[in-house]
PDB file of N, CA and C in Angstrom:
ATOM      1  N   MET A   1       8.241 -33.631 -18.223  1.00  0.00           N
ATOM      2  CA  MET A   1       8.811 -32.376 -17.664  1.00  0.00           C
ATOM      3  C   MET A   1       7.808 -31.742 -16.807  1.00  0.00           C
ATOM      4  N   THR A   2       8.213 -31.378 -15.681  1.00  0.00           N
ATOM      5  CA  THR A   2       7.262 -30.586 -14.890  1.00  0.00           C
ATOM      6  C   THR A   2       7.546 -29.086 -14.812  1.00  0.00           C
ATOM      7  N   THR A   3       6.477 -28.396 -15.046  1.00  0.00           N
ATOM      8  CA  THR A   3       6.558 -26.838 -15.021  1.00  0.00           C
ATOM      9  C   THR A   3       6.594 -26.424 -13.621  1.00  0.00           C
ATOM     10  N   VAL A   4       7.337 -25.514 -13.186  1.00  0.00           N
ATOM     11  CA  VAL A   4       7.318 -24.954 -11.906  1.00  0.00           C
ATOM     12  C   VAL A   4       6.836 -23.486 -12.025  1.00  0.00           C
ATOM     13  N   ALA A   5       5.647 -23.109 -11.369  1.00  0.00           N
ATOM     14  CA  ALA A   5       5.367 -21.690 -11.457  1.00  0.00           C
ATOM     15  C   ALA A   5       6.151 -20.867 -10.552  1.00  0.00           C
ATOM     16  N   ILE A   6       6.699 -19.880 -10.990  1.00  0.00           N
ATOM     17  CA  ILE A   6       7.527 -19.012 -10.110  1.00  0.00           C
ATOM     18  C   ILE A   6       6.540 -17.856  -9.654  1.00  0.00           C
ATOM     19  N   SER A   7       6.423 -17.650  -8.359  1.00  0.00           N
ATOM     20  CA  SER A   7       5.652 -16.721  -7.832  1.00  0.00           C
ATOM     21  C   SER A   7       6.265 -15.254  -7.766  1.00  0.00           C
ATOM     22  N   THR A   8       5.611 -14.365  -7.997  1.00  0.00           N
ATOM     23  CA  THR A   8       6.056 -12.962  -7.975  1.00  0.00           C
ATOM     24  C   THR A   8       5.860 -12.415  -6.383  1.00  0.00           C
ATOM     25  N   ARG A   9       6.717 -11.982  -5.835  1.00  0.00           N
ATOM     26  CA  ARG A   9       6.659 -11.556  -4.515  1.00  0.00           C
ATOM     27  C   ARG A   9       6.609 -10.055  -4.476  1.00  0.00           C
ATOM     28  N   VAL A  10       5.828  -9.459  -3.599  1.00  0.00           N
ATOM     29  CA  VAL A  10       5.901  -7.981  -3.292  1.00  0.00           C
ATOM     30  C   VAL A  10       6.881  -7.746  -2.130  1.00  0.00           C
ATOM     31  N   GLU A  11       7.823  -6.644  -2.362  1.00  0.00           N
ATOM     32  CA  GLU A  11       8.742  -6.604  -1.382  1.00  0.00           C
ATOM     33  C   GLU A  11       8.678  -5.151  -0.973  1.00  0.00           C
ATOM     34  N   LEU A  12       9.017  -4.772   0.219  1.00  0.00           N
ATOM     35  CA  LEU A  12       9.044  -3.350   0.788  1.00  0.00           C
ATOM     36  C   LEU A  12      10.605  -3.067   1.313  1.00  0.00           C
ATOM     37  N   LEU A  13      11.057  -1.863   0.985  1.00  0.00           N
ATOM     38  CA  LEU A  13      12.348  -1.532   1.583  1.00  0.00           C
ATOM     39  C   LEU A  13      12.116  -1.132   2.978  1.00  0.00           C
ATOM     40  N   THR A  14      12.851  -2.064   3.931  1.00  0.00           N
ATOM     41  CA  THR A  14      12.914  -1.833   5.349  1.00  0.00           C
ATOM     42  C   THR A  14      14.209  -1.711   5.772  1.00  0.00           C
ATOM     43  N   GLY A  15      14.753  -0.394   6.175  1.00  0.00           N
ATOM     44  CA  GLY A  15      16.044  -0.215   6.440  1.00  0.00           C
ATOM     45  C   GLY A  15      16.762  -0.210   5.266  1.00  0.00           C
ATOM     46  N   ARG A  16      17.765  -1.288   5.256  1.00  0.00           N
ATOM     47  CA  ARG A  16      18.664  -1.308   4.015  1.00  0.00           C
ATOM     48  C   ARG A  16      18.332  -2.523   3.336  1.00  0.00           C
ATOM     49  N   SER A  17      17.400  -3.346   3.561  1.00  0.00           N
ATOM     50  CA  SER A  17      17.167  -4.437   2.754  1.00  0.00           C
ATOM     51  C   SER A  17      15.721  -4.547   2.358  1.00  0.00           C
ATOM     52  N   TRP A  18      15.416  -5.442   1.459  1.00  0.00           N
ATOM     53  CA  TRP A  18      14.110  -5.865   0.935  1.00  0.00           C
ATOM     54  C   TRP A  18      13.462  -6.761   1.721  1.00  0.00           C
ATOM     55  N   THR A  19      12.167  -6.586   2.020  1.00  0.00           N
ATOM     56  CA  THR A  19      11.442  -7.590   2.838  1.00  0.00           C
ATOM     57  C   THR A  19      10.255  -8.006   2.090  1.00  0.00           C
ATOM     58  N   PRO A  20      10.246  -9.335   1.877  1.00  0.00           N
ATOM     59  CA  PRO A  20       9.073  -9.906   1.150  1.00  0.00           C
ATOM     60  C   PRO A  20       7.706  -9.764   2.098  1.00  0.00           C
ATOM     61  N   VAL A  21       6.636  -9.310   1.514  1.00  0.00           N
ATOM     62  CA  VAL A  21       5.464  -9.145   2.497  1.00  0.00           C
ATOM     63  C   VAL A  21       4.191  -9.907   1.976  1.00  0.00           C
ATOM     64  N   CYS A  22       4.182 -10.168   0.637  1.00  0.00           N
ATOM     65  CA  CYS A  22       2.942 -10.936   0.206  1.00  0.00           C
ATOM     66  C   CYS A  22       3.338 -11.405  -1.204  1.00  0.00           C
ATOM     67  N   ASP A  23       2.437 -12.267  -1.708  1.00  0.00           N
ATOM     68  CA  ASP A  23       2.542 -12.705  -3.173  1.00  0.00           C
ATOM     69  C   ASP A  23       1.599 -11.684  -4.130  1.00  0.00           C
ATOM     70  N   TRP A  24       2.079 -11.277  -5.267  1.00  0.00           N
ATOM     71  CA  TRP A  24       1.396 -10.550  -6.152  1.00  0.00           C
ATOM     72  C   TRP A  24      -0.008 -11.012  -6.413  1.00  0.00           C
ATOM     73  N   GLU A  25      -0.107 -12.173  -6.451  1.00  0.00           N
ATOM     74  CA  GLU A  25      -1.456 -12.830  -6.723  1.00  0.00           C
ATOM     75  C   GLU A  25      -2.519 -12.675  -5.616  1.00  0.00           C
ATOM     76  N   GLN A  26      -1.923 -12.371  -4.498  1.00  0.00           N
ATOM     77  CA  GLN A  26      -2.844 -12.139  -3.325  1.00  0.00           C
ATOM     78  C   GLN A  26      -3.419 -10.704  -3.293  1.00  0.00           C
ATOM     79  N   LEU A  27      -2.962  -9.879  -4.195  1.00  0.00           N
ATOM     80  CA  LEU A  27      -3.446  -8.519  -4.236  1.00  0.00           C
ATOM     81  C   LEU A  27      -4.509  -8.423  -5.215  1.00  0.00           C
ATOM     82  N   THR A  28      -5.840  -7.941  -4.748  1.00  0.00           N
ATOM     83  CA  THR A  28      -6.909  -7.802  -5.683  1.00  0.00           C
ATOM     84  C   THR A  28      -6.929  -6.399  -6.124  1.00  0.00           C
ATOM     85  N   PRO A  29      -6.877  -5.924  -7.303  1.00  0.00           N
ATOM     86  CA  PRO A  29      -7.019  -4.564  -7.812  1.00  0.00           C
ATOM     87  C   PRO A  29      -7.950  -3.790  -7.032  1.00  0.00           C
ATOM     88  N   GLY A  30      -7.693  -2.715  -6.679  1.00  0.00           N
ATOM     89  CA  GLY A  30      -8.622  -1.873  -5.787  1.00  0.00           C
ATOM     90  C   GLY A  30      -8.737  -2.085  -4.330  1.00  0.00           C
ATOM     91  N   ARG A  31      -8.101  -2.919  -3.795  1.00  0.00           N
ATOM     92  CA  ARG A  31      -8.207  -3.303  -2.457  1.00  0.00           C
ATOM     93  C   ARG A  31      -6.788  -3.420  -1.849  1.00  0.00           C
ATOM     94  N   GLY A  32      -6.652  -3.323  -0.525  1.00  0.00           N
ATOM     95  CA  GLY A  32      -5.301  -3.294   0.160  1.00  0.00           C
ATOM     96  C   GLY A  32      -5.248  -4.513   1.162  1.00  0.00           C
ATOM     97  N   VAL A  33      -4.080  -4.849   1.522  1.00  0.00           N
ATOM     98  CA  VAL A  33      -3.768  -5.844   2.558  1.00  0.00           C
ATOM     99  C   VAL A  33      -2.862  -5.146   3.632  1.00  0.00           C
ATOM    100  N   ALA A  34      -3.141  -5.532   4.806  1.00  0.00           N
ATOM    101  CA  ALA A  34      -2.287  -4.976   5.932  1.00  0.00           C
ATOM    102  C   ALA A  34      -0.947  -6.058   6.100  1.00  0.00           C
ATOM    103  N   VAL A  35       0.139  -5.574   6.276  1.00  0.00           N
ATOM    104  CA  VAL A  35       1.353  -6.471   6.578  1.00  0.00           C
ATOM    105  C   VAL A  35       2.045  -5.934   7.663  1.00  0.00           C
ATOM    106  N   LEU A  36       2.702  -6.919   8.364  1.00  0.00           N
ATOM    107  CA  LEU A  36       3.586  -6.488   9.516  1.00  0.00           C
ATOM    108  C   LEU A  36       4.984  -6.518   9.209  1.00  0.00           C
ATOM    109  N   LEU A  37       5.681  -5.444   9.402  1.00  0.00           N
ATOM    110  CA  LEU A  37       7.189  -5.268   9.071  1.00  0.00           C
ATOM    111  C   LEU A  37       7.991  -5.835  10.272  1.00  0.00           C
ATOM    112  N   PRO A  38       9.147  -6.070   9.849  1.00  0.00           N
ATOM    113  CA  PRO A  38      10.106  -6.646  10.827  1.00  0.00           C
ATOM    114  C   PRO A  38      10.317  -5.753  12.068  1.00  0.00           C
ATOM    115  N   ASP A  39      10.177  -4.430  11.916  1.00  0.00           N
ATOM    116  CA  ASP A  39      10.387  -3.481  13.219  1.00  0.00           C
ATOM    117  C   ASP A  39       9.011  -3.353  13.850  1.00  0.00           C
ATOM    118  N   GLY A  40       7.940  -4.174  13.574  1.00  0.00           N
ATOM    119  CA  GLY A  40       6.583  -4.117  14.264  1.00  0.00           C
ATOM    120  C   GLY A  40       5.658  -3.138  13.807  1.00  0.00           C
ATOM    121  N   GLN A  41       6.084  -2.226  12.680  1.00  0.00           N
ATOM    122  CA  GLN A  41       5.198  -1.374  12.186  1.00  0.00           C
ATOM    123  C   GLN A  41       4.312  -2.111  11.218  1.00  0.00           C
ATOM    124  N   GLN A  42       3.209  -1.376  10.878  1.00  0.00           N
ATOM    125  CA  GLN A  42       2.290  -2.040   9.943  1.00  0.00           C
ATOM    126  C   GLN A  42       2.360  -1.084   8.626  1.00  0.00           C
ATOM    127  N   ALA A  43       2.185  -1.827   7.531  1.00  0.00           N
ATOM    128  CA  ALA A  43       1.953  -1.139   6.141  1.00  0.00           C
ATOM    129  C   ALA A  43       0.826  -1.635   5.506  1.00  0.00           C
ATOM    130  N   ALA A  44       0.240  -0.797   4.585  1.00  0.00           N
ATOM    131  CA  ALA A  44      -0.908  -1.181   3.839  1.00  0.00           C
ATOM    132  C   ALA A  44      -0.427  -1.168   2.427  1.00  0.00           C
ATOM    133  N   VAL A  45      -0.632  -2.366   1.700  1.00  0.00           N
ATOM    134  CA  VAL A  45      -0.138  -2.552   0.405  1.00  0.00           C
ATOM    135  C   VAL A  45      -1.296  -2.570  -0.598  1.00  0.00           C
ATOM    136  N   PHE A  46      -1.273  -1.840  -1.722  1.00  0.00           N
ATOM    137  CA  PHE A  46      -2.416  -1.901  -2.590  1.00  0.00           C
ATOM    138  C   PHE A  46      -2.014  -1.910  -3.960  1.00  0.00           C
ATOM    139  N   ARG A  47      -2.802  -2.710  -4.817  1.00  0.00           N
ATOM    140  CA  ARG A  47      -2.665  -2.861  -6.238  1.00  0.00           C
ATOM    141  C   ARG A  47      -3.769  -2.023  -6.836  1.00  0.00           C
ATOM    142  N   ASP A  48      -3.335  -1.139  -7.784  1.00  0.00           N
ATOM    143  CA  ASP A  48      -4.580  -0.382  -8.457  1.00  0.00           C
ATOM    144  C   ASP A  48      -4.979  -1.264  -9.718  1.00  0.00           C
ATOM    145  N   HIS A  49      -5.977  -0.602 -10.384  1.00  0.00           N
ATOM    146  CA  HIS A  49      -6.515  -1.163 -11.534  1.00  0.00           C
ATOM    147  C   HIS A  49      -5.634  -1.244 -12.746  1.00  0.00           C
ATOM    148  N   GLN A  50      -4.463  -0.475 -12.697  1.00  0.00           N
ATOM    149  CA  GLN A  50      -3.486  -0.493 -13.696  1.00  0.00           C
ATOM    150  C   GLN A  50      -2.338  -1.378 -13.219  1.00  0.00           C
ATOM    151  N   ASP A  51      -2.490  -2.179 -12.262  1.00  0.00           N
ATOM    152  CA  ASP A  51      -1.497  -3.122 -11.683  1.00  0.00           C
ATOM    153  C   ASP A  51      -0.269  -2.557 -11.216  1.00  0.00           C
ATOM    154  N   GLU A  52      -0.399  -1.149 -10.680  1.00  0.00           N
ATOM    155  CA  GLU A  52       0.699  -0.655  -9.973  1.00  0.00           C
ATOM    156  C   GLU A  52       0.633  -0.887  -8.532  1.00  0.00           C
ATOM    157  N   VAL A  53       1.770  -1.207  -7.757  1.00  0.00           N
ATOM    158  CA  VAL A  53       1.652  -1.493  -6.437  1.00  0.00           C
ATOM    159  C   VAL A  53       2.240  -0.342  -5.628  1.00  0.00           C
ATOM    160  N   TYR A  54       1.574  -0.169  -4.465  1.00  0.00           N
ATOM    161  CA  TYR A  54       1.868   0.947  -3.685  1.00  0.00           C
ATOM    162  C   TYR A  54       1.930   0.517  -2.183  1.00  0.00           C
ATOM    163  N   ALA A  55       2.564   1.139  -1.242  1.00  0.00           N
ATOM    164  CA  ALA A  55       2.653   0.830   0.114  1.00  0.00           C
ATOM    165  C   ALA A  55       2.760   2.183   0.991  1.00  0.00           C
ATOM    166  N   VAL A  56       1.962   2.121   1.945  1.00  0.00           N
ATOM    167  CA  VAL A  56       1.903   3.368   2.872  1.00  0.00           C
ATOM    168  C   VAL A  56       1.705   2.795   4.283  1.00  0.00           C
ATOM    169  N   ALA A  57       1.935   3.679   5.290  1.00  0.00           N
ATOM    170  CA  ALA A  57       1.740   3.275   6.619  1.00  0.00           C
ATOM    171  C   ALA A  57       0.164   2.919   6.735  1.00  0.00           C
ATOM    172  N   ASN A  58      -0.072   1.877   7.621  1.00  0.00           N
ATOM    173  CA  ASN A  58      -1.465   1.507   7.790  1.00  0.00           C
ATOM    174  C   ASN A  58      -2.152   2.286   8.682  1.00  0.00           C
ATOM    175  N   ARG A  59      -1.486   3.285   9.536  1.00  0.00           N
ATOM    176  CA  ARG A  59      -2.141   4.022  10.552  1.00  0.00           C
ATOM    177  C   ARG A  59      -2.762   5.111   9.919  1.00  0.00           C
ATOM    178  N   ASP A  60      -4.008   5.526  10.186  1.00  0.00           N
ATOM    179  CA  ASP A  60      -4.792   6.811   9.898  1.00  0.00           C
ATOM    180  C   ASP A  60      -4.393   7.680  10.982  1.00  0.00           C
ATOM    181  N   PRO A  61      -3.900   8.875  10.405  1.00  0.00           N
ATOM    182  CA  PRO A  61      -3.222   9.937  11.422  1.00  0.00           C
ATOM    183  C   PRO A  61      -4.341  10.687  12.115  1.00  0.00           C
ATOM    184  N   PHE A  62      -5.590  10.620  11.392  1.00  0.00           N
ATOM    185  CA  PHE A  62      -6.754  11.478  12.007  1.00  0.00           C
ATOM    186  C   PHE A  62      -7.265  10.796  13.237  1.00  0.00           C
ATOM    187  N   THR A  63      -7.256   9.371  13.309  1.00  0.00           N
ATOM    188  CA  THR A  63      -7.852   8.577  14.277  1.00  0.00           C
ATOM    189  C   THR A  63      -6.956   7.779  15.028  1.00  0.00           C
ATOM    190  N   GLY A  64      -5.718   7.487  14.571  1.00  0.00           N
ATOM    191  CA  GLY A  64      -4.844   6.656  15.320  1.00  0.00           C
ATOM    192  C   GLY A  64      -5.105   5.116  14.992  1.00  0.00           C
ATOM    193  N   ALA A  65      -5.960   4.867  14.341  1.00  0.00           N
ATOM    194  CA  ALA A  65      -6.538   3.428  14.076  1.00  0.00           C
ATOM    195  C   ALA A  65      -5.692   2.923  12.950  1.00  0.00           C
ATOM    196  N   TYR A  66      -5.312   1.646  13.097  1.00  0.00           N
ATOM    197  CA  TYR A  66      -4.627   0.886  11.869  1.00  0.00           C
ATOM    198  C   TYR A  66      -5.625   0.291  10.879  1.00  0.00           C
ATOM    199  N   VAL A  67      -6.155   1.056   9.979  1.00  0.00           N
ATOM    200  CA  VAL A  67      -7.263   0.736   9.140  1.00  0.00           C
ATOM    201  C   VAL A  67      -7.045   1.135   7.551  1.00  0.00           C
ATOM    202  N   LEU A  68      -5.989   1.861   7.207  1.00  0.00           N
ATOM    203  CA  LEU A  68      -5.933   2.350   5.894  1.00  0.00           C
ATOM    204  C   LEU A  68      -5.938   1.142   4.821  1.00  0.00           C
ATOM    205  N   SER A  69      -5.480   0.011   5.294  1.00  0.00           N
ATOM    206  CA  SER A  69      -5.417  -1.113   4.241  1.00  0.00           C
ATOM    207  C   SER A  69      -7.047  -1.587   3.972  1.00  0.00           C
ATOM    208  N   ARG A  70      -7.876  -1.081   4.801  1.00  0.00           N
ATOM    209  CA  ARG A  70      -9.346  -1.353   4.503  1.00  0.00           C
ATOM    210  C   ARG A  70      -9.982  -0.397   3.731  1.00  0.00           C
ATOM    211  N   GLY A  71      -9.292   0.775   3.356  1.00  0.00           N
ATOM    212  CA  GLY A  71      -9.901   1.838   2.762  1.00  0.00           C
ATOM    213  C   GLY A  71     -10.280   1.541   1.229  1.00  0.00           C
ATOM    214  N   LEU A  72     -10.910   2.699   0.598  1.00  0.00           N
ATOM    215  CA  LEU A  72     -11.339   2.349  -0.757  1.00  0.00           C
ATOM    216  C   LEU A  72     -10.096   3.100  -1.677  1.00  0.00           C
ATOM    217  N   VAL A  73      -9.776   2.469  -2.707  1.00  0.00           N
ATOM    218  CA  VAL A  73      -8.891   3.002  -3.538  1.00  0.00           C
ATOM    219  C   VAL A  73      -9.593   3.735  -4.712  1.00  0.00           C
ATOM    220  N   GLY A  74      -9.176   4.906  -5.109  1.00  0.00           N
ATOM    221  CA  GLY A  74      -9.853   5.772  -6.133  1.00  0.00           C
ATOM    222  C   GLY A  74      -8.881   6.426  -6.778  1.00  0.00           C
ATOM    223  N   SER A  75      -9.179   7.399  -7.850  1.00  0.00           N
ATOM    224  CA  SER A  75      -8.259   8.401  -8.310  1.00  0.00           C
ATOM    225  C   SER A  75      -8.927   9.680  -8.621  1.00  0.00           C
ATOM    226  N   THR A  76      -8.135  10.721  -8.678  1.00  0.00           N
ATOM    227  CA  THR A  76      -8.590  11.946  -8.844  1.00  0.00           C
ATOM    228  C   THR A  76      -8.651  12.268 -10.402  1.00  0.00           C
ATOM    229  N   PRO A  77      -9.495  13.258 -10.854  1.00  0.00           N
ATOM    230  CA  PRO A  77      -9.490  13.590 -12.209  1.00  0.00           C
ATOM    231  C   PRO A  77      -8.248  13.773 -12.852  1.00  0.00           C
ATOM    232  N   ASP A  78      -7.046  14.167 -12.245  1.00  0.00           N
ATOM    233  CA  ASP A  78      -5.816  14.433 -12.826  1.00  0.00           C
ATOM    234  C   ASP A  78      -4.990  13.120 -12.609  1.00  0.00           C
ATOM    235  N   GLY A  79      -5.497  12.004 -12.199  1.00  0.00           N
ATOM    236  CA  GLY A  79      -4.874  10.610 -12.110  1.00  0.00           C
ATOM    237  C   GLY A  79      -4.089  10.266 -10.889  1.00  0.00           C
ATOM    238  N   ARG A  80      -4.215  11.145  -9.859  1.00  0.00           N
ATOM    239  CA  ARG A  80      -3.654  10.627  -8.614  1.00  0.00           C
ATOM    240  C   ARG A  80      -4.260   9.580  -7.866  1.00  0.00           C
ATOM    241  N   VAL A  81      -3.595   8.422  -7.560  1.00  0.00           N
ATOM    242  CA  VAL A  81      -4.257   7.341  -7.033  1.00  0.00           C
ATOM    243  C   VAL A  81      -4.226   7.420  -5.525  1.00  0.00           C
ATOM    244  N   TYR A  82      -5.323   7.225  -4.935  1.00  0.00           N
ATOM    245  CA  TYR A  82      -5.402   7.560  -3.276  1.00  0.00           C
ATOM    246  C   TYR A  82      -6.115   6.406  -2.652  1.00  0.00           C
ATOM    247  N   VAL A  83      -6.113   6.327  -1.493  1.00  0.00           N
ATOM    248  CA  VAL A  83      -6.848   5.445  -0.660  1.00  0.00           C
ATOM    249  C   VAL A  83      -7.543   6.433   0.408  1.00  0.00           C
ATOM    250  N   ALA A  84      -8.863   6.149   0.398  1.00  0.00           N
ATOM    251  CA  ALA A  84      -9.744   6.837   1.518  1.00  0.00           C
ATOM    252  C   ALA A  84      -9.927   6.142   2.601  1.00  0.00           C
ATOM    253  N   SER A  85      -9.721   6.702   3.724  1.00  0.00           N
ATOM    254  CA  SER A  85      -9.809   6.141   5.189  1.00  0.00           C
ATOM    255  C   SER A  85     -11.156   5.602   5.264  1.00  0.00           C
ATOM    256  N   PRO A  86     -11.227   4.316   5.830  1.00  0.00           N
ATOM    257  CA  PRO A  86     -12.775   3.837   6.043  1.00  0.00           C
ATOM    258  C   PRO A  86     -13.437   4.455   7.245  1.00  0.00           C
ATOM    259  N   LEU A  87     -12.660   5.251   8.053  1.00  0.00           N
ATOM    260  CA  LEU A  87     -13.353   5.827   9.078  1.00  0.00           C
ATOM    261  C   LEU A  87     -13.808   7.296   8.869  1.00  0.00           C
ATOM    262  N   LEU A  88     -12.944   8.215   8.691  1.00  0.00           N
ATOM    263  CA  LEU A  88     -13.400   9.702   8.428  1.00  0.00           C
ATOM    264  C   LEU A  88     -13.317  10.137   6.877  1.00  0.00           C
ATOM    265  N   LYS A  89     -12.836   9.173   6.034  1.00  0.00           N
ATOM    266  CA  LYS A  89     -12.832   9.227   4.569  1.00  0.00           C
ATOM    267  C   LYS A  89     -11.882  10.327   4.093  1.00  0.00           C
ATOM    268  N   GLN A  90     -10.891  10.646   4.878  1.00  0.00           N
ATOM    269  CA  GLN A  90      -9.731  11.489   4.265  1.00  0.00           C
ATOM    270  C   GLN A  90      -9.105  10.690   3.218  1.00  0.00           C
ATOM    271  N   ARG A  91      -8.733  11.330   2.200  1.00  0.00           N
ATOM    272  CA  ARG A  91      -7.955  10.579   1.065  1.00  0.00           C
ATOM    273  C   ARG A  91      -6.483  10.886   1.134  1.00  0.00           C
ATOM    274  N   PHE A  92      -5.584   9.893   0.950  1.00  0.00           N
ATOM    275  CA  PHE A  92      -4.234   9.783   0.921  1.00  0.00           C
ATOM    276  C   PHE A  92      -3.670   9.382  -0.277  1.00  0.00           C
ATOM    277  N   ASP A  93      -2.819  10.450  -0.970  1.00  0.00           N
ATOM    278  CA  ASP A  93      -2.087   9.893  -2.371  1.00  0.00           C
ATOM    279  C   ASP A  93      -1.235   8.768  -2.076  1.00  0.00           C
ATOM    280  N   LEU A  94      -1.403   7.751  -2.795  1.00  0.00           N
ATOM    281  CA  LEU A  94      -0.606   6.473  -2.420  1.00  0.00           C
ATOM    282  C   LEU A  94       0.882   6.647  -2.938  1.00  0.00           C
ATOM    283  N   ALA A  95       1.172   7.514  -3.825  1.00  0.00           N
ATOM    284  CA  ALA A  95       2.479   7.772  -4.416  1.00  0.00           C
ATOM    285  C   ALA A  95       3.323   8.721  -3.352  1.00  0.00           C
ATOM    286  N   THR A  96       2.708   9.570  -2.844  1.00  0.00           N
ATOM    287  CA  THR A  96       3.471  10.676  -2.026  1.00  0.00           C
ATOM    288  C   THR A  96       3.088  10.570  -0.533  1.00  0.00           C
ATOM    289  N   GLY A  97       1.912  10.115  -0.065  1.00  0.00           N
ATOM    290  CA  GLY A  97       1.432   9.996   1.322  1.00  0.00           C
ATOM    291  C   GLY A  97       0.641  11.308   1.566  1.00  0.00           C
ATOM    292  N   GLU A  98       0.576  12.294   0.731  1.00  0.00           N
ATOM    293  CA  GLU A  98      -0.067  13.517   1.070  1.00  0.00           C
ATOM    294  C   GLU A  98      -1.489  13.339   1.246  1.00  0.00           C
ATOM    295  N   CYS A  99      -2.119  14.041   2.192  1.00  0.00           N
ATOM    296  CA  CYS A  99      -3.579  14.064   2.420  1.00  0.00           C
ATOM    297  C   CYS A  99      -4.264  14.987   1.350  1.00  0.00           C
ATOM    298  N   LEU A 100      -5.108  14.467   0.557  1.00  0.00           N
ATOM    299  CA  LEU A 100      -5.641  15.376  -0.327  1.00  0.00           C
ATOM    300  C   LEU A 100      -6.653  16.259   0.091  1.00  0.00           C
ATOM    301  N   ASP A 101      -7.060  16.074   1.422  1.00  0.00           N
ATOM    302  CA  ASP A 101      -8.191  16.918   2.012  1.00  0.00           C
ATOM    303  C   ASP A 101      -7.538  17.717   3.094  1.00  0.00           C
ATOM    304  N   ASP A 102      -6.171  17.743   3.416  1.00  0.00           N
ATOM    305  CA  ASP A 102      -5.664  18.582   4.459  1.00  0.00           C
ATOM    306  C   ASP A 102      -4.098  18.468   4.105  1.00  0.00           C
ATOM    307  N   GLU A 103      -3.603  19.394   3.360  1.00  0.00           N
ATOM    308  CA  GLU A 103      -2.320  19.281   2.910  1.00  0.00           C
ATOM    309  C   GLU A 103      -1.249  19.460   4.059  1.00  0.00           C
ATOM    310  N   SER A 104      -1.645  19.670   5.194  1.00  0.00           N
ATOM    311  CA  SER A 104      -0.692  19.739   6.305  1.00  0.00           C
ATOM    312  C   SER A 104      -0.374  18.379   6.951  1.00  0.00           C
ATOM    313  N   VAL A 105      -1.052  17.385   6.330  1.00  0.00           N
ATOM    314  CA  VAL A 105      -1.087  16.037   6.917  1.00  0.00           C
ATOM    315  C   VAL A 105      -0.427  15.042   5.833  1.00  0.00           C
ATOM    316  N   ARG A 106       0.432  14.173   6.167  1.00  0.00           N
ATOM    317  CA  ARG A 106       1.023  13.148   5.375  1.00  0.00           C
ATOM    318  C   ARG A 106       1.441  11.921   6.135  1.00  0.00           C
ATOM    319  N   ILE A 107       1.356  10.759   5.371  1.00  0.00           N
ATOM    320  CA  ILE A 107       1.538   9.533   5.791  1.00  0.00           C
ATOM    321  C   ILE A 107       2.818   8.901   5.283  1.00  0.00           C
ATOM    322  N   PRO A 108       3.443   8.109   5.861  1.00  0.00           N
ATOM    323  CA  PRO A 108       4.895   7.522   5.336  1.00  0.00           C
ATOM    324  C   PRO A 108       4.383   6.671   4.088  1.00  0.00           C
ATOM    325  N   VAL A 109       5.376   6.732   3.144  1.00  0.00           N
ATOM    326  CA  VAL A 109       5.282   5.856   1.850  1.00  0.00           C
ATOM    327  C   VAL A 109       6.311   4.946   1.966  1.00  0.00           C
ATOM    328  N   HIS A 110       6.138   3.668   1.666  1.00  0.00           N
ATOM    329  CA  HIS A 110       7.304   2.700   1.513  1.00  0.00           C
ATOM    330  C   HIS A 110       7.624   2.347   0.113  1.00  0.00           C
ATOM    331  N   ALA A 111       8.994   2.241  -0.247  1.00  0.00           N
ATOM    332  CA  ALA A 111       9.266   1.790  -1.619  1.00  0.00           C
ATOM    333  C   ALA A 111       8.849   0.375  -1.742  1.00  0.00           C
ATOM    334  N   VAL A 112       8.543   0.044  -3.051  1.00  0.00           N
ATOM    335  CA  VAL A 112       7.978  -1.196  -3.294  1.00  0.00           C
ATOM    336  C   VAL A 112       8.653  -1.785  -4.598  1.00  0.00           C
ATOM    337  N   ARG A 113       8.838  -2.987  -4.508  1.00  0.00           N
ATOM    338  CA  ARG A 113       9.517  -3.725  -5.768  1.00  0.00           C
ATOM    339  C   ARG A 113       8.727  -5.017  -5.924  1.00  0.00           C
ATOM    340  N   LEU A 114       8.762  -5.678  -7.166  1.00  0.00           N
ATOM    341  CA  LEU A 114       8.235  -6.833  -7.566  1.00  0.00           C
ATOM    342  C   LEU A 114       9.496  -7.880  -7.728  1.00  0.00           C
ATOM    343  N   ASN A 115       9.486  -8.912  -7.063  1.00  0.00           N
ATOM    344  CA  ASN A 115      10.671  -9.843  -7.292  1.00  0.00           C
ATOM    345  C   ASN A 115      10.020 -11.147  -7.947  1.00  0.00           C
ATOM    346  N   ARG A 116      10.471 -11.439  -9.145  1.00  0.00           N
ATOM    347  CA  ARG A 116       9.884 -12.483  -9.859  1.00  0.00           C
ATOM    348  C   ARG A 116      10.580 -13.722  -9.646  1.00  0.00           C
ATOM    349  N   GLY A 117      11.285 -13.782  -8.603  1.00  0.00           N
ATOM    350  CA  GLY A 117      12.062 -14.846  -7.961  1.00  0.00           C
ATOM    351  C   GLY A 117      12.868 -15.774  -8.356  1.00  0.00           C
TER     352      GLY A 117
END
């Protein structure tokens, strides 16, 4: 008898449907990956060290560069998980999109689910 491994897919809500963007196994805790969405937008998908998955816009609003997926993942003393932009180092809460260094700035957040297939 052959055992088939069922891959877990990470999916983002795009419009009214869920779009598969990568395999769970491709996400390294503490790092992000950039994904291209069907509408041409980019998202940054992250897996934290507690295996929670987040997705935000990949565009850094301070520079306009599509680099947030290359940022460093960390957490505040009160447990808010964030990504720090690799360019100017502003931190964005991965759950809310709020900039922790300038509360007037926010990035879009995408709904995420795991599909165990």
